[in-house]
Amino acid sequence: MGSLGVVLSTSWTIIWFSYFVILKRSRFRTLGYILGGARVVNLQGSRPSILSLLARLLFVAGGPANFLLDLFWIPSDPFRQAIRDKFAHTHVVRKNAVPAGSGRIVYRTYAMFGTTFLFQEVKLDSASGAG
């Protein structure tokens, strides 16, 4: 790879990281989140860490398979989280969302593709709703 290829690769990496990690974490959000009236939060309801957002971004490597997986996964998930959100311990919520209640963070196992995964989820208190 020539020096131009290195410069272009580095530039694209910086642009993707800035847009999909730094901007999503900021109060400004990405264009899609602005148009959709959404924001991303961690399990405690605050801004997710850079590492969590980087984990979400790495799912881009799955390409169109992510869309197909989301198409079947999200409707069946009780919290309507995408797989990338399960791994990153994040939720996509409405911009002005307020917590529905309180709960404790628990670990749940999921079996996918012959592998068992352990994910953190919020178990709502009985006074807050189902959980």
Protein backbone atom coordinates (compact mmCIF):
# COMPACT_ATOMS: atom_id res chain seq x y z
CA MET A 1 0.00 0.00 0.00
CA GLY A 2 1.46 3.32 -1.03
CA SER A 3 1.59 6.43 1.08
CA LEU A 4 -1.63 7.72 -0.52
CA GLY A 5 -3.41 4.52 0.57
CA VAL A 6 -2.15 4.93 4.13
CA VAL A 7 -3.29 8.56 4.20
CA LEU A 8 -6.74 7.65 2.84
CA SER A 9 -7.15 4.69 5.22
CA THR A 10 -6.12 6.80 8.19
CA SER A 11 -8.39 9.66 7.12
CA TRP A 12 -11.42 7.36 6.74
CA THR A 13 -10.72 5.75 10.10
CA ILE A 14 -10.57 9.16 11.79
CA ILE A 15 -13.75 10.33 10.04
CA TRP A 16 -15.71 7.17 10.97
CA PHE A 17 -14.46 7.25 14.57
CA SER A 18 -15.27 10.96 14.93
CA TYR A 19 -18.74 10.62 13.43
CA PHE A 20 -19.92 7.33 14.90
CA VAL A 21 -18.18 7.49 18.30
CA ILE A 22 -17.32 11.06 19.28
CA LEU A 23 -20.37 12.72 17.70
CA LYS A 24 -22.83 10.10 18.98
CA ARG A 25 -21.47 10.63 22.48
CA SER A 26 -21.77 14.42 22.25
CA ARG A 27 -24.92 16.44 22.83
CA PHE A 28 -25.01 17.24 19.09
CA ARG A 29 -25.54 13.62 17.89
CA THR A 30 -25.30 12.30 14.33
CA LEU A 31 -27.54 13.45 11.49
CA GLY A 32 -29.56 10.21 11.63
CA TYR A 33 -30.11 10.56 15.36
CA ILE A 34 -31.15 14.21 14.94
CA LEU A 35 -33.65 13.34 12.19
CA GLY A 36 -34.92 10.32 14.14
CA GLY A 37 -35.12 12.23 17.43
CA ALA A 38 -32.93 9.64 19.16
CA ARG A 39 -29.86 9.41 21.35
CA VAL A 40 -27.78 6.57 22.72
CA VAL A 41 -27.40 5.97 26.47
CA ASN A 42 -25.72 3.40 28.69
CA LEU A 43 -27.60 1.12 31.10
CA GLN A 44 -27.58 3.86 33.76
CA GLY A 45 -29.21 6.33 31.33
CA SER A 46 -26.16 8.58 30.85
CA ARG A 47 -23.70 9.03 28.00
CA PRO A 48 -22.02 5.77 27.01
CA SER A 49 -18.25 5.47 27.13
CA ILE A 50 -16.10 5.82 24.06
CA LEU A 51 -15.23 2.13 24.37
CA SER A 52 -18.93 1.16 24.29
CA LEU A 53 -19.56 3.25 21.20
CA LEU A 54 -16.45 1.81 19.57
CA ALA A 55 -17.85 -1.69 20.24
CA ARG A 56 -21.08 -0.66 18.48
CA LEU A 57 -19.08 0.71 15.55
CA LEU A 58 -17.15 -2.55 15.10
CA PHE A 59 -20.40 -4.23 14.07
CA VAL A 60 -20.13 -2.29 10.79
CA ALA A 61 -17.75 -5.05 9.73
CA GLY A 62 -20.80 -7.31 9.48
CA GLY A 63 -22.15 -5.20 6.64
CA PRO A 64 -25.68 -6.01 5.43
CA ALA A 65 -25.83 -9.03 7.73
CA ASN A 66 -26.36 -6.59 10.63
CA PHE A 67 -29.56 -5.34 9.01
CA LEU A 68 -30.88 -8.87 8.55
CA LEU A 69 -29.95 -9.85 12.09
CA ASP A 70 -31.63 -6.71 13.48
CA LEU A 71 -34.73 -7.41 11.40
CA PHE A 72 -35.31 -10.67 13.26
CA TRP A 73 -33.67 -9.89 16.60
CA ILE A 74 -35.11 -6.51 17.65
CA PRO A 75 -38.83 -7.45 17.53
CA SER A 76 -38.18 -10.51 19.70
CA ASP A 77 -36.03 -8.74 22.29
CA PRO A 78 -38.01 -7.52 25.34
CA PHE A 79 -35.97 -4.29 25.44
CA ARG A 80 -35.89 -3.90 21.62
CA GLN A 81 -32.09 -3.73 21.67
CA ALA A 82 -29.96 -4.59 18.67
CA ILE A 83 -27.19 -7.14 19.13
CA ARG A 84 -24.59 -4.36 18.95
CA ASP A 85 -26.37 -2.62 21.83
CA LYS A 86 -26.37 -5.81 23.89
CA PHE A 87 -22.60 -6.14 23.43
CA ALA A 88 -21.98 -2.43 24.10
CA HIS A 89 -24.42 -2.19 27.07
CA THR A 90 -26.31 0.66 25.39
CA HIS A 91 -29.85 1.59 24.43
CA VAL A 92 -31.11 3.88 21.69
CA VAL A 93 -33.88 6.03 23.16
CA ARG A 94 -35.90 9.09 22.19
CA LYS A 95 -34.05 12.36 22.59
CA ASN A 96 -36.23 13.57 25.46
CA ALA A 97 -36.80 10.16 27.06
CA VAL A 98 -37.04 9.96 30.83
CA PRO A 99 -36.49 6.74 32.79
CA ALA A 100 -39.57 4.52 33.07
CA GLY A 101 -38.48 3.52 36.54
CA SER A 102 -35.56 2.05 38.36
CA GLY A 103 -34.05 -1.37 38.36
CA ARG A 104 -30.93 -3.34 38.95
CA ILE A 105 -28.44 -4.51 36.39
CA VAL A 106 -28.49 -8.28 35.98
CA TYR A 107 -26.66 -10.75 33.76
CA ARG A 108 -28.63 -12.85 31.28
CA THR A 109 -27.41 -15.54 28.94
CA TYR A 110 -28.32 -15.76 25.28
CA ALA A 111 -27.50 -18.64 22.96
CA MET A 112 -26.74 -17.54 19.40
CA PHE A 113 -25.01 -19.34 16.56
CA GLY A 114 -23.96 -22.19 18.84
CA THR A 115 -22.33 -19.83 21.34
CA THR A 116 -23.57 -18.63 24.72
CA PHE A 117 -23.21 -14.93 25.48
CA LEU A 118 -23.58 -13.13 28.81
CA PHE A 119 -25.18 -9.68 28.54
CA GLN A 120 -26.02 -7.03 31.10
CA GLU A 121 -29.66 -5.91 31.20
CA VAL A 122 -31.80 -3.80 33.50
CA LYS A 123 -34.35 -5.75 35.50
CA LEU A 124 -37.12 -3.31 36.29
CA ASP A 125 -38.44 -3.12 39.81
CA SER A 126 -41.93 -4.61 40.14
CA ALA A 127 -43.36 -1.16 40.91
CA SER A 128 -41.88 0.19 37.66
CA GLY A 129 -43.39 -2.37 35.31
CA ALA A 130 -42.56 -5.74 33.83
CA GLY A 131 -39.05 -7.09 34.07
